[in-house]
Amino acid sequence: HAITSVRAVENALGMEVPVNAQLIR
């Protein structure tokens, strides 16, 4: 739920996420 929630907000803002962050998640 933590990861899905931040993805929802990032999608709303059209954000990019650093690759390291993606891999850690």
PDBML (XML) file of the C-alpha atoms, coordinates in Angstrom:
<?xml version="1.0" encoding="UTF-8" ?>
<PDBx:datablock datablockName="MODEL"
   xmlns:PDBx="http://pdbml.pdb.org/schema/pdbx-v50.xsd"
   xmlns:xsi="http://www.w3.org/2001/XMLSchema-instance"
   xsi:schemaLocation="http://pdbml.pdb.org/schema/pdbx-v50.xsd pdbx-v50.xsd">
   <PDBx:atom_siteCategory>
      <PDBx:atom_site id="1">
         <PDBx:B_iso_or_equiv>0.00</PDBx:B_iso_or_equiv>
         <PDBx:Cartn_x>0.000</PDBx:Cartn_x>
         <PDBx:Cartn_y>0.000</PDBx:Cartn_y>
         <PDBx:Cartn_z>0.000</PDBx:Cartn_z>
         <PDBx:auth_asym_id>A</PDBx:auth_asym_id>
         <PDBx:auth_atom_id>CA</PDBx:auth_atom_id>
         <PDBx:auth_comp_id>HIS</PDBx:auth_comp_id>
         <PDBx:auth_seq_id>1</PDBx:auth_seq_id>
         <PDBx:group_PDB>ATOM</PDBx:group_PDB>
         <PDBx:label_alt_id xsi:nil="true" />
         <PDBx:label_asym_id>A</PDBx:label_asym_id>
         <PDBx:label_atom_id>CA</PDBx:label_atom_id>
         <PDBx:label_comp_id>HIS</PDBx:label_comp_id>
         <PDBx:label_entity_id>1</PDBx:label_entity_id>
         <PDBx:label_seq_id>1</PDBx:label_seq_id>
         <PDBx:occupancy>1.00</PDBx:occupancy>
         <PDBx:pdbx_PDB_model_num>1</PDBx:pdbx_PDB_model_num>
         <PDBx:type_symbol>C</PDBx:type_symbol>
      </PDBx:atom_site>
      <PDBx:atom_site id="2">
         <PDBx:B_iso_or_equiv>0.00</PDBx:B_iso_or_equiv>
         <PDBx:Cartn_x>2.889</PDBx:Cartn_x>
         <PDBx:Cartn_y>2.379</PDBx:Cartn_y>
         <PDBx:Cartn_z>0.682</PDBx:Cartn_z>
         <PDBx:auth_asym_id>A</PDBx:auth_asym_id>
         <PDBx:auth_atom_id>CA</PDBx:auth_atom_id>
         <PDBx:auth_comp_id>ALA</PDBx:auth_comp_id>
         <PDBx:auth_seq_id>2</PDBx:auth_seq_id>
         <PDBx:group_PDB>ATOM</PDBx:group_PDB>
         <PDBx:label_alt_id xsi:nil="true" />
         <PDBx:label_asym_id>A</PDBx:label_asym_id>
         <PDBx:label_atom_id>CA</PDBx:label_atom_id>
         <PDBx:label_comp_id>ALA</PDBx:label_comp_id>
         <PDBx:label_entity_id>1</PDBx:label_entity_id>
         <PDBx:label_seq_id>2</PDBx:label_seq_id>
         <PDBx:occupancy>1.00</PDBx:occupancy>
         <PDBx:pdbx_PDB_model_num>1</PDBx:pdbx_PDB_model_num>
         <PDBx:type_symbol>C</PDBx:type_symbol>
      </PDBx:atom_site>
      <PDBx:atom_site id="3">
         <PDBx:B_iso_or_equiv>0.00</PDBx:B_iso_or_equiv>
         <PDBx:Cartn_x>4.386</PDBx:Cartn_x>
         <PDBx:Cartn_y>1.823</PDBx:Cartn_y>
         <PDBx:Cartn_z>-2.773</PDBx:Cartn_z>
         <PDBx:auth_asym_id>A</PDBx:auth_asym_id>
         <PDBx:auth_atom_id>CA</PDBx:auth_atom_id>
         <PDBx:auth_comp_id>ILE</PDBx:auth_comp_id>
         <PDBx:auth_seq_id>3</PDBx:auth_seq_id>
         <PDBx:group_PDB>ATOM</PDBx:group_PDB>
         <PDBx:label_alt_id xsi:nil="true" />
         <PDBx:label_asym_id>A</PDBx:label_asym_id>
         <PDBx:label_atom_id>CA</PDBx:label_atom_id>
         <PDBx:label_comp_id>ILE</PDBx:label_comp_id>
         <PDBx:label_entity_id>1</PDBx:label_entity_id>
         <PDBx:label_seq_id>3</PDBx:label_seq_id>
         <PDBx:occupancy>1.00</PDBx:occupancy>
         <PDBx:pdbx_PDB_model_num>1</PDBx:pdbx_PDB_model_num>
         <PDBx:type_symbol>C</PDBx:type_symbol>
      </PDBx:atom_site>
      <PDBx:atom_site id="4">
         <PDBx:B_iso_or_equiv>0.00</PDBx:B_iso_or_equiv>
         <PDBx:Cartn_x>1.041</PDBx:Cartn_x>
         <PDBx:Cartn_y>1.873</PDBx:Cartn_y>
         <PDBx:Cartn_z>-4.609</PDBx:Cartn_z>
         <PDBx:auth_asym_id>A</PDBx:auth_asym_id>
         <PDBx:auth_atom_id>CA</PDBx:auth_atom_id>
         <PDBx:auth_comp_id>THR</PDBx:auth_comp_id>
         <PDBx:auth_seq_id>4</PDBx:auth_seq_id>
         <PDBx:group_PDB>ATOM</PDBx:group_PDB>
         <PDBx:label_alt_id xsi:nil="true" />
         <PDBx:label_asym_id>A</PDBx:label_asym_id>
         <PDBx:label_atom_id>CA</PDBx:label_atom_id>
         <PDBx:label_comp_id>THR</PDBx:label_comp_id>
         <PDBx:label_entity_id>1</PDBx:label_entity_id>
         <PDBx:label_seq_id>4</PDBx:label_seq_id>
         <PDBx:occupancy>1.00</PDBx:occupancy>
         <PDBx:pdbx_PDB_model_num>1</PDBx:pdbx_PDB_model_num>
         <PDBx:type_symbol>C</PDBx:type_symbol>
      </PDBx:atom_site>
      <PDBx:atom_site id="5">
         <PDBx:B_iso_or_equiv>0.00</PDBx:B_iso_or_equiv>
         <PDBx:Cartn_x>0.006</PDBx:Cartn_x>
         <PDBx:Cartn_y>5.077</PDBx:Cartn_y>
         <PDBx:Cartn_z>-2.856</PDBx:Cartn_z>
         <PDBx:auth_asym_id>A</PDBx:auth_asym_id>
         <PDBx:auth_atom_id>CA</PDBx:auth_atom_id>
         <PDBx:auth_comp_id>SER</PDBx:auth_comp_id>
         <PDBx:auth_seq_id>5</PDBx:auth_seq_id>
         <PDBx:group_PDB>ATOM</PDBx:group_PDB>
         <PDBx:label_alt_id xsi:nil="true" />
         <PDBx:label_asym_id>A</PDBx:label_asym_id>
         <PDBx:label_atom_id>CA</PDBx:label_atom_id>
         <PDBx:label_comp_id>SER</PDBx:label_comp_id>
         <PDBx:label_entity_id>1</PDBx:label_entity_id>
         <PDBx:label_seq_id>5</PDBx:label_seq_id>
         <PDBx:occupancy>1.00</PDBx:occupancy>
         <PDBx:pdbx_PDB_model_num>1</PDBx:pdbx_PDB_model_num>
         <PDBx:type_symbol>C</PDBx:type_symbol>
      </PDBx:atom_site>
      <PDBx:atom_site id="6">
         <PDBx:B_iso_or_equiv>0.00</PDBx:B_iso_or_equiv>
         <PDBx:Cartn_x>3.113</PDBx:Cartn_x>
         <PDBx:Cartn_y>7.028</PDBx:Cartn_y>
         <PDBx:Cartn_z>-3.820</PDBx:Cartn_z>
         <PDBx:auth_asym_id>A</PDBx:auth_asym_id>
         <PDBx:auth_atom_id>CA</PDBx:auth_atom_id>
         <PDBx:auth_comp_id>VAL</PDBx:auth_comp_id>
         <PDBx:auth_seq_id>6</PDBx:auth_seq_id>
         <PDBx:group_PDB>ATOM</PDBx:group_PDB>
         <PDBx:label_alt_id xsi:nil="true" />
         <PDBx:label_asym_id>A</PDBx:label_asym_id>
         <PDBx:label_atom_id>CA</PDBx:label_atom_id>
         <PDBx:label_comp_id>VAL</PDBx:label_comp_id>
         <PDBx:label_entity_id>1</PDBx:label_entity_id>
         <PDBx:label_seq_id>6</PDBx:label_seq_id>
         <PDBx:occupancy>1.00</PDBx:occupancy>
         <PDBx:pdbx_PDB_model_num>1</PDBx:pdbx_PDB_model_num>
         <PDBx:type_symbol>C</PDBx:type_symbol>
      </PDBx:atom_site>
      <PDBx:atom_site id="7">
         <PDBx:B_iso_or_equiv>0.00</PDBx:B_iso_or_equiv>
         <PDBx:Cartn_x>2.769</PDBx:Cartn_x>
         <PDBx:Cartn_y>5.711</PDBx:Cartn_y>
         <PDBx:Cartn_z>-7.379</PDBx:Cartn_z>
         <PDBx:auth_asym_id>A</PDBx:auth_asym_id>
         <PDBx:auth_atom_id>CA</PDBx:auth_atom_id>
         <PDBx:auth_comp_id>ARG</PDBx:auth_comp_id>
         <PDBx:auth_seq_id>7</PDBx:auth_seq_id>
         <PDBx:group_PDB>ATOM</PDBx:group_PDB>
         <PDBx:label_alt_id xsi:nil="true" />
         <PDBx:label_asym_id>A</PDBx:label_asym_id>
         <PDBx:label_atom_id>CA</PDBx:label_atom_id>
         <PDBx:label_comp_id>ARG</PDBx:label_comp_id>
         <PDBx:label_entity_id>1</PDBx:label_entity_id>
         <PDBx:label_seq_id>7</PDBx:label_seq_id>
         <PDBx:occupancy>1.00</PDBx:occupancy>
         <PDBx:pdbx_PDB_model_num>1</PDBx:pdbx_PDB_model_num>
         <PDBx:type_symbol>C</PDBx:type_symbol>
      </PDBx:atom_site>
      <PDBx:atom_site id="8">
         <PDBx:B_iso_or_equiv>0.00</PDBx:B_iso_or_equiv>
         <PDBx:Cartn_x>-0.782</PDBx:Cartn_x>
         <PDBx:Cartn_y>7.109</PDBx:Cartn_y>
         <PDBx:Cartn_z>-7.510</PDBx:Cartn_z>
         <PDBx:auth_asym_id>A</PDBx:auth_asym_id>
         <PDBx:auth_atom_id>CA</PDBx:auth_atom_id>
         <PDBx:auth_comp_id>ALA</PDBx:auth_comp_id>
         <PDBx:auth_seq_id>8</PDBx:auth_seq_id>
         <PDBx:group_PDB>ATOM</PDBx:group_PDB>
         <PDBx:label_alt_id xsi:nil="true" />
         <PDBx:label_asym_id>A</PDBx:label_asym_id>
         <PDBx:label_atom_id>CA</PDBx:label_atom_id>
         <PDBx:label_comp_id>ALA</PDBx:label_comp_id>
         <PDBx:label_entity_id>1</PDBx:label_entity_id>
         <PDBx:label_seq_id>8</PDBx:label_seq_id>
         <PDBx:occupancy>1.00</PDBx:occupancy>
         <PDBx:pdbx_PDB_model_num>1</PDBx:pdbx_PDB_model_num>
         <PDBx:type_symbol>C</PDBx:type_symbol>
      </PDBx:atom_site>
      <PDBx:atom_site id="9">
         <PDBx:B_iso_or_equiv>0.00</PDBx:B_iso_or_equiv>
         <PDBx:Cartn_x>0.336</PDBx:Cartn_x>
         <PDBx:Cartn_y>10.588</PDBx:Cartn_y>
         <PDBx:Cartn_z>-6.460</PDBx:Cartn_z>
         <PDBx:auth_asym_id>A</PDBx:auth_asym_id>
         <PDBx:auth_atom_id>CA</PDBx:auth_atom_id>
         <PDBx:auth_comp_id>VAL</PDBx:auth_comp_id>
         <PDBx:auth_seq_id>9</PDBx:auth_seq_id>
         <PDBx:group_PDB>ATOM</PDBx:group_PDB>
         <PDBx:label_alt_id xsi:nil="true" />
         <PDBx:label_asym_id>A</PDBx:label_asym_id>
         <PDBx:label_atom_id>CA</PDBx:label_atom_id>
         <PDBx:label_comp_id>VAL</PDBx:label_comp_id>
         <PDBx:label_entity_id>1</PDBx:label_entity_id>
         <PDBx:label_seq_id>9</PDBx:label_seq_id>
         <PDBx:occupancy>1.00</PDBx:occupancy>
         <PDBx:pdbx_PDB_model_num>1</PDBx:pdbx_PDB_model_num>
         <PDBx:type_symbol>C</PDBx:type_symbol>
      </PDBx:atom_site>
      <PDBx:atom_site id="10">
         <PDBx:B_iso_or_equiv>0.00</PDBx:B_iso_or_equiv>
         <PDBx:Cartn_x>3.359</PDBx:Cartn_x>
         <PDBx:Cartn_y>10.468</PDBx:Cartn_y>
         <PDBx:Cartn_z>-8.779</PDBx:Cartn_z>
         <PDBx:auth_asym_id>A</PDBx:auth_asym_id>
         <PDBx:auth_atom_id>CA</PDBx:auth_atom_id>
         <PDBx:auth_comp_id>GLU</PDBx:auth_comp_id>
         <PDBx:auth_seq_id>10</PDBx:auth_seq_id>
         <PDBx:group_PDB>ATOM</PDBx:group_PDB>
         <PDBx:label_alt_id xsi:nil="true" />
         <PDBx:label_asym_id>A</PDBx:label_asym_id>
         <PDBx:label_atom_id>CA</PDBx:label_atom_id>
         <PDBx:label_comp_id>GLU</PDBx:label_comp_id>
         <PDBx:label_entity_id>1</PDBx:label_entity_id>
         <PDBx:label_seq_id>10</PDBx:label_seq_id>
         <PDBx:occupancy>1.00</PDBx:occupancy>
         <PDBx:pdbx_PDB_model_num>1</PDBx:pdbx_PDB_model_num>
         <PDBx:type_symbol>C</PDBx:type_symbol>
      </PDBx:atom_site>
      <PDBx:atom_site id="11">
         <PDBx:B_iso_or_equiv>0.00</PDBx:B_iso_or_equiv>
         <PDBx:Cartn_x>1.054</PDBx:Cartn_x>
         <PDBx:Cartn_y>9.520</PDBx:Cartn_y>
         <PDBx:Cartn_z>-11.645</PDBx:Cartn_z>
         <PDBx:auth_asym_id>A</PDBx:auth_asym_id>
         <PDBx:auth_atom_id>CA</PDBx:auth_atom_id>
         <PDBx:auth_comp_id>ASN</PDBx:auth_comp_id>
         <PDBx:auth_seq_id>11</PDBx:auth_seq_id>
         <PDBx:group_PDB>ATOM</PDBx:group_PDB>
         <PDBx:label_alt_id xsi:nil="true" />
         <PDBx:label_asym_id>A</PDBx:label_asym_id>
         <PDBx:label_atom_id>CA</PDBx:label_atom_id>
         <PDBx:label_comp_id>ASN</PDBx:label_comp_id>
         <PDBx:label_entity_id>1</PDBx:label_entity_id>
         <PDBx:label_seq_id>11</PDBx:label_seq_id>
         <PDBx:occupancy>1.00</PDBx:occupancy>
         <PDBx:pdbx_PDB_model_num>1</PDBx:pdbx_PDB_model_num>
         <PDBx:type_symbol>C</PDBx:type_symbol>
      </PDBx:atom_site>
      <PDBx:atom_site id="12">
         <PDBx:B_iso_or_equiv>0.00</PDBx:B_iso_or_equiv>
         <PDBx:Cartn_x>-1.233</PDBx:Cartn_x>
         <PDBx:Cartn_y>12.463</PDBx:Cartn_y>
         <PDBx:Cartn_z>-10.851</PDBx:Cartn_z>
         <PDBx:auth_asym_id>A</PDBx:auth_asym_id>
         <PDBx:auth_atom_id>CA</PDBx:auth_atom_id>
         <PDBx:auth_comp_id>ALA</PDBx:auth_comp_id>
         <PDBx:auth_seq_id>12</PDBx:auth_seq_id>
         <PDBx:group_PDB>ATOM</PDBx:group_PDB>
         <PDBx:label_alt_id xsi:nil="true" />
         <PDBx:label_asym_id>A</PDBx:label_asym_id>
         <PDBx:label_atom_id>CA</PDBx:label_atom_id>
         <PDBx:label_comp_id>ALA</PDBx:label_comp_id>
         <PDBx:label_entity_id>1</PDBx:label_entity_id>
         <PDBx:label_seq_id>12</PDBx:label_seq_id>
         <PDBx:occupancy>1.00</PDBx:occupancy>
         <PDBx:pdbx_PDB_model_num>1</PDBx:pdbx_PDB_model_num>
         <PDBx:type_symbol>C</PDBx:type_symbol>
      </PDBx:atom_site>
      <PDBx:atom_site id="13">
         <PDBx:B_iso_or_equiv>0.00</PDBx:B_iso_or_equiv>
         <PDBx:Cartn_x>1.759</PDBx:Cartn_x>
         <PDBx:Cartn_y>14.827</PDBx:Cartn_y>
         <PDBx:Cartn_z>-10.947</PDBx:Cartn_z>
         <PDBx:auth_asym_id>A</PDBx:auth_asym_id>
         <PDBx:auth_atom_id>CA</PDBx:auth_atom_id>
         <PDBx:auth_comp_id>LEU</PDBx:auth_comp_id>
         <PDBx:auth_seq_id>13</PDBx:auth_seq_id>
         <PDBx:group_PDB>ATOM</PDBx:group_PDB>
         <PDBx:label_alt_id xsi:nil="true" />
         <PDBx:label_asym_id>A</PDBx:label_asym_id>
         <PDBx:label_atom_id>CA</PDBx:label_atom_id>
         <PDBx:label_comp_id>LEU</PDBx:label_comp_id>
         <PDBx:label_entity_id>1</PDBx:label_entity_id>
         <PDBx:label_seq_id>13</PDBx:label_seq_id>
         <PDBx:occupancy>1.00</PDBx:occupancy>
         <PDBx:pdbx_PDB_model_num>1</PDBx:pdbx_PDB_model_num>
         <PDBx:type_symbol>C</PDBx:type_symbol>
      </PDBx:atom_site>
      <PDBx:atom_site id="14">
         <PDBx:B_iso_or_equiv>0.00</PDBx:B_iso_or_equiv>
         <PDBx:Cartn_x>3.335</PDBx:Cartn_x>
         <PDBx:Cartn_y>13.230</PDBx:Cartn_y>
         <PDBx:Cartn_z>-14.038</PDBx:Cartn_z>
         <PDBx:auth_asym_id>A</PDBx:auth_asym_id>
         <PDBx:auth_atom_id>CA</PDBx:auth_atom_id>
         <PDBx:auth_comp_id>GLY</PDBx:auth_comp_id>
         <PDBx:auth_seq_id>14</PDBx:auth_seq_id>
         <PDBx:group_PDB>ATOM</PDBx:group_PDB>
         <PDBx:label_alt_id xsi:nil="true" />
         <PDBx:label_asym_id>A</PDBx:label_asym_id>
         <PDBx:label_atom_id>CA</PDBx:label_atom_id>
         <PDBx:label_comp_id>GLY</PDBx:label_comp_id>
         <PDBx:label_entity_id>1</PDBx:label_entity_id>
         <PDBx:label_seq_id>14</PDBx:label_seq_id>
         <PDBx:occupancy>1.00</PDBx:occupancy>
         <PDBx:pdbx_PDB_model_num>1</PDBx:pdbx_PDB_model_num>
         <PDBx:type_symbol>C</PDBx:type_symbol>
      </PDBx:atom_site>
      <PDBx:atom_site id="15">
         <PDBx:B_iso_or_equiv>0.00</PDBx:B_iso_or_equiv>
         <PDBx:Cartn_x>6.538</PDBx:Cartn_x>
         <PDBx:Cartn_y>12.641</PDBx:Cartn_y>
         <PDBx:Cartn_z>-12.076</PDBx:Cartn_z>
         <PDBx:auth_asym_id>A</PDBx:auth_asym_id>
         <PDBx:auth_atom_id>CA</PDBx:auth_atom_id>
         <PDBx:auth_comp_id>MET</PDBx:auth_comp_id>
         <PDBx:auth_seq_id>15</PDBx:auth_seq_id>
         <PDBx:group_PDB>ATOM</PDBx:group_PDB>
         <PDBx:label_alt_id xsi:nil="true" />
         <PDBx:label_asym_id>A</PDBx:label_asym_id>
         <PDBx:label_atom_id>CA</PDBx:label_atom_id>
         <PDBx:label_comp_id>MET</PDBx:label_comp_id>
         <PDBx:label_entity_id>1</PDBx:label_entity_id>
         <PDBx:label_seq_id>15</PDBx:label_seq_id>
         <PDBx:occupancy>1.00</PDBx:occupancy>
         <PDBx:pdbx_PDB_model_num>1</PDBx:pdbx_PDB_model_num>
         <PDBx:type_symbol>C</PDBx:type_symbol>
      </PDBx:atom_site>
      <PDBx:atom_site id="16">
         <PDBx:B_iso_or_equiv>0.00</PDBx:B_iso_or_equiv>
         <PDBx:Cartn_x>9.627</PDBx:Cartn_x>
         <PDBx:Cartn_y>10.651</PDBx:Cartn_y>
         <PDBx:Cartn_z>-12.904</PDBx:Cartn_z>
         <PDBx:auth_asym_id>A</PDBx:auth_asym_id>
         <PDBx:auth_atom_id>CA</PDBx:auth_atom_id>
         <PDBx:auth_comp_id>GLU</PDBx:auth_comp_id>
         <PDBx:auth_seq_id>16</PDBx:auth_seq_id>
         <PDBx:group_PDB>ATOM</PDBx:group_PDB>
         <PDBx:label_alt_id xsi:nil="true" />
         <PDBx:label_asym_id>A</PDBx:label_asym_id>
         <PDBx:label_atom_id>CA</PDBx:label_atom_id>
         <PDBx:label_comp_id>GLU</PDBx:label_comp_id>
         <PDBx:label_entity_id>1</PDBx:label_entity_id>
         <PDBx:label_seq_id>16</PDBx:label_seq_id>
         <PDBx:occupancy>1.00</PDBx:occupancy>
         <PDBx:pdbx_PDB_model_num>1</PDBx:pdbx_PDB_model_num>
         <PDBx:type_symbol>C</PDBx:type_symbol>
      </PDBx:atom_site>
      <PDBx:atom_site id="17">
         <PDBx:B_iso_or_equiv>0.00</PDBx:B_iso_or_equiv>
         <PDBx:Cartn_x>11.277</PDBx:Cartn_x>
         <PDBx:Cartn_y>8.528</PDBx:Cartn_y>
         <PDBx:Cartn_z>-10.204</PDBx:Cartn_z>
         <PDBx:auth_asym_id>A</PDBx:auth_asym_id>
         <PDBx:auth_atom_id>CA</PDBx:auth_atom_id>
         <PDBx:auth_comp_id>VAL</PDBx:auth_comp_id>
         <PDBx:auth_seq_id>17</PDBx:auth_seq_id>
         <PDBx:group_PDB>ATOM</PDBx:group_PDB>
         <PDBx:label_alt_id xsi:nil="true" />
         <PDBx:label_asym_id>A</PDBx:label_asym_id>
         <PDBx:label_atom_id>CA</PDBx:label_atom_id>
         <PDBx:label_comp_id>VAL</PDBx:label_comp_id>
         <PDBx:label_entity_id>1</PDBx:label_entity_id>
         <PDBx:label_seq_id>17</PDBx:label_seq_id>
         <PDBx:occupancy>1.00</PDBx:occupancy>
         <PDBx:pdbx_PDB_model_num>1</PDBx:pdbx_PDB_model_num>
         <PDBx:type_symbol>C</PDBx:type_symbol>
      </PDBx:atom_site>
      <PDBx:atom_site id="18">
         <PDBx:B_iso_or_equiv>0.00</PDBx:B_iso_or_equiv>
         <PDBx:Cartn_x>15.048</PDBx:Cartn_x>
         <PDBx:Cartn_y>7.915</PDBx:Cartn_y>
         <PDBx:Cartn_z>-10.075</PDBx:Cartn_z>
         <PDBx:auth_asym_id>A</PDBx:auth_asym_id>
         <PDBx:auth_atom_id>CA</PDBx:auth_atom_id>
         <PDBx:auth_comp_id>PRO</PDBx:auth_comp_id>
         <PDBx:auth_seq_id>18</PDBx:auth_seq_id>
         <PDBx:group_PDB>ATOM</PDBx:group_PDB>
         <PDBx:label_alt_id xsi:nil="true" />
         <PDBx:label_asym_id>A</PDBx:label_asym_id>
         <PDBx:label_atom_id>CA</PDBx:label_atom_id>
         <PDBx:label_comp_id>PRO</PDBx:label_comp_id>
         <PDBx:label_entity_id>1</PDBx:label_entity_id>
         <PDBx:label_seq_id>18</PDBx:label_seq_id>
         <PDBx:occupancy>1.00</PDBx:occupancy>
         <PDBx:pdbx_PDB_model_num>1</PDBx:pdbx_PDB_model_num>
         <PDBx:type_symbol>C</PDBx:type_symbol>
      </PDBx:atom_site>
      <PDBx:atom_site id="19">
         <PDBx:B_iso_or_equiv>0.00</PDBx:B_iso_or_equiv>
         <PDBx:Cartn_x>16.048</PDBx:Cartn_x>
         <PDBx:Cartn_y>4.432</PDBx:Cartn_y>
         <PDBx:Cartn_z>-11.227</PDBx:Cartn_z>
         <PDBx:auth_asym_id>A</PDBx:auth_asym_id>
         <PDBx:auth_atom_id>CA</PDBx:auth_atom_id>
         <PDBx:auth_comp_id>VAL</PDBx:auth_comp_id>
         <PDBx:auth_seq_id>19</PDBx:auth_seq_id>
         <PDBx:group_PDB>ATOM</PDBx:group_PDB>
         <PDBx:label_alt_id xsi:nil="true" />
         <PDBx:label_asym_id>A</PDBx:label_asym_id>
         <PDBx:label_atom_id>CA</PDBx:label_atom_id>
         <PDBx:label_comp_id>VAL</PDBx:label_comp_id>
         <PDBx:label_entity_id>1</PDBx:label_entity_id>
         <PDBx:label_seq_id>19</PDBx:label_seq_id>
         <PDBx:occupancy>1.00</PDBx:occupancy>
         <PDBx:pdbx_PDB_model_num>1</PDBx:pdbx_PDB_model_num>
         <PDBx:type_symbol>C</PDBx:type_symbol>
      </PDBx:atom_site>
      <PDBx:atom_site id="20">
         <PDBx:B_iso_or_equiv>0.00</PDBx:B_iso_or_equiv>
         <PDBx:Cartn_x>17.752</PDBx:Cartn_x>
         <PDBx:Cartn_y>3.691</PDBx:Cartn_y>
         <PDBx:Cartn_z>-7.905</PDBx:Cartn_z>
         <PDBx:auth_asym_id>A</PDBx:auth_asym_id>
         <PDBx:auth_atom_id>CA</PDBx:auth_atom_id>
         <PDBx:auth_comp_id>ASN</PDBx:auth_comp_id>
         <PDBx:auth_seq_id>20</PDBx:auth_seq_id>
         <PDBx:group_PDB>ATOM</PDBx:group_PDB>
         <PDBx:label_alt_id xsi:nil="true" />
         <PDBx:label_asym_id>A</PDBx:label_asym_id>
         <PDBx:label_atom_id>CA</PDBx:label_atom_id>
         <PDBx:label_comp_id>ASN</PDBx:label_comp_id>
         <PDBx:label_entity_id>1</PDBx:label_entity_id>
         <PDBx:label_seq_id>20</PDBx:label_seq_id>
         <PDBx:occupancy>1.00</PDBx:occupancy>
         <PDBx:pdbx_PDB_model_num>1</PDBx:pdbx_PDB_model_num>
         <PDBx:type_symbol>C</PDBx:type_symbol>
      </PDBx:atom_site>
      <PDBx:atom_site id="21">
         <PDBx:B_iso_or_equiv>0.00</PDBx:B_iso_or_equiv>
         <PDBx:Cartn_x>14.484</PDBx:Cartn_x>
         <PDBx:Cartn_y>4.438</PDBx:Cartn_y>
         <PDBx:Cartn_z>-6.112</PDBx:Cartn_z>
         <PDBx:auth_asym_id>A</PDBx:auth_asym_id>
         <PDBx:auth_atom_id>CA</PDBx:auth_atom_id>
         <PDBx:auth_comp_id>ALA</PDBx:auth_comp_id>
         <PDBx:auth_seq_id>21</PDBx:auth_seq_id>
         <PDBx:group_PDB>ATOM</PDBx:group_PDB>
         <PDBx:label_alt_id xsi:nil="true" />
         <PDBx:label_asym_id>A</PDBx:label_asym_id>
         <PDBx:label_atom_id>CA</PDBx:label_atom_id>
         <PDBx:label_comp_id>ALA</PDBx:label_comp_id>
         <PDBx:label_entity_id>1</PDBx:label_entity_id>
         <PDBx:label_seq_id>21</PDBx:label_seq_id>
         <PDBx:occupancy>1.00</PDBx:occupancy>
         <PDBx:pdbx_PDB_model_num>1</PDBx:pdbx_PDB_model_num>
         <PDBx:type_symbol>C</PDBx:type_symbol>
      </PDBx:atom_site>
      <PDBx:atom_site id="22">
         <PDBx:B_iso_or_equiv>0.00</PDBx:B_iso_or_equiv>
         <PDBx:Cartn_x>12.577</PDBx:Cartn_x>
         <PDBx:Cartn_y>2.151</PDBx:Cartn_y>
         <PDBx:Cartn_z>-8.461</PDBx:Cartn_z>
         <PDBx:auth_asym_id>A</PDBx:auth_asym_id>
         <PDBx:auth_atom_id>CA</PDBx:auth_atom_id>
         <PDBx:auth_comp_id>GLN</PDBx:auth_comp_id>
         <PDBx:auth_seq_id>22</PDBx:auth_seq_id>
         <PDBx:group_PDB>ATOM</PDBx:group_PDB>
         <PDBx:label_alt_id xsi:nil="true" />
         <PDBx:label_asym_id>A</PDBx:label_asym_id>
         <PDBx:label_atom_id>CA</PDBx:label_atom_id>
         <PDBx:label_comp_id>GLN</PDBx:label_comp_id>
         <PDBx:label_entity_id>1</PDBx:label_entity_id>
         <PDBx:label_seq_id>22</PDBx:label_seq_id>
         <PDBx:occupancy>1.00</PDBx:occupancy>
         <PDBx:pdbx_PDB_model_num>1</PDBx:pdbx_PDB_model_num>
         <PDBx:type_symbol>C</PDBx:type_symbol>
      </PDBx:atom_site>
      <PDBx:atom_site id="23">
         <PDBx:B_iso_or_equiv>0.00</PDBx:B_iso_or_equiv>
         <PDBx:Cartn_x>15.050</PDBx:Cartn_x>
         <PDBx:Cartn_y>-0.673</PDBx:Cartn_y>
         <PDBx:Cartn_z>-7.841</PDBx:Cartn_z>
         <PDBx:auth_asym_id>A</PDBx:auth_asym_id>
         <PDBx:auth_atom_id>CA</PDBx:auth_atom_id>
         <PDBx:auth_comp_id>LEU</PDBx:auth_comp_id>
         <PDBx:auth_seq_id>23</PDBx:auth_seq_id>
         <PDBx:group_PDB>ATOM</PDBx:group_PDB>
         <PDBx:label_alt_id xsi:nil="true" />
         <PDBx:label_asym_id>A</PDBx:label_asym_id>
         <PDBx:label_atom_id>CA</PDBx:label_atom_id>
         <PDBx:label_comp_id>LEU</PDBx:label_comp_id>
         <PDBx:label_entity_id>1</PDBx:label_entity_id>
         <PDBx:label_seq_id>23</PDBx:label_seq_id>
         <PDBx:occupancy>1.00</PDBx:occupancy>
         <PDBx:pdbx_PDB_model_num>1</PDBx:pdbx_PDB_model_num>
         <PDBx:type_symbol>C</PDBx:type_symbol>
      </PDBx:atom_site>
      <PDBx:atom_site id="24">
         <PDBx:B_iso_or_equiv>0.00</PDBx:B_iso_or_equiv>
         <PDBx:Cartn_x>15.033</PDBx:Cartn_x>
         <PDBx:Cartn_y>-0.207</PDBx:Cartn_y>
         <PDBx:Cartn_z>-4.051</PDBx:Cartn_z>
         <PDBx:auth_asym_id>A</PDBx:auth_asym_id>
         <PDBx:auth_atom_id>CA</PDBx:auth_atom_id>
         <PDBx:auth_comp_id>ILE</PDBx:auth_comp_id>
         <PDBx:auth_seq_id>24</PDBx:auth_seq_id>
         <PDBx:group_PDB>ATOM</PDBx:group_PDB>
         <PDBx:label_alt_id xsi:nil="true" />
         <PDBx:label_asym_id>A</PDBx:label_asym_id>
         <PDBx:label_atom_id>CA</PDBx:label_atom_id>
         <PDBx:label_comp_id>ILE</PDBx:label_comp_id>
         <PDBx:label_entity_id>1</PDBx:label_entity_id>
         <PDBx:label_seq_id>24</PDBx:label_seq_id>
         <PDBx:occupancy>1.00</PDBx:occupancy>
         <PDBx:pdbx_PDB_model_num>1</PDBx:pdbx_PDB_model_num>
         <PDBx:type_symbol>C</PDBx:type_symbol>
      </PDBx:atom_site>
      <PDBx:atom_site id="25">
         <PDBx:B_iso_or_equiv>0.00</PDBx:B_iso_or_equiv>
         <PDBx:Cartn_x>11.234</PDBx:Cartn_x>
         <PDBx:Cartn_y>-0.293</PDBx:Cartn_y>
         <PDBx:Cartn_z>-4.068</PDBx:Cartn_z>
         <PDBx:auth_asym_id>A</PDBx:auth_asym_id>
         <PDBx:auth_atom_id>CA</PDBx:auth_atom_id>
         <PDBx:auth_comp_id>ARG</PDBx:auth_comp_id>
         <PDBx:auth_seq_id>25</PDBx:auth_seq_id>
         <PDBx:group_PDB>ATOM</PDBx:group_PDB>
         <PDBx:label_alt_id xsi:nil="true" />
         <PDBx:label_asym_id>A</PDBx:label_asym_id>
         <PDBx:label_atom_id>CA</PDBx:label_atom_id>
         <PDBx:label_comp_id>ARG</PDBx:label_comp_id>
         <PDBx:label_entity_id>1</PDBx:label_entity_id>
         <PDBx:label_seq_id>25</PDBx:label_seq_id>
         <PDBx:occupancy>1.00</PDBx:occupancy>
         <PDBx:pdbx_PDB_model_num>1</PDBx:pdbx_PDB_model_num>
         <PDBx:type_symbol>C</PDBx:type_symbol>
      </PDBx:atom_site>
   </PDBx:atom_siteCategory>
</PDBx:datablock>
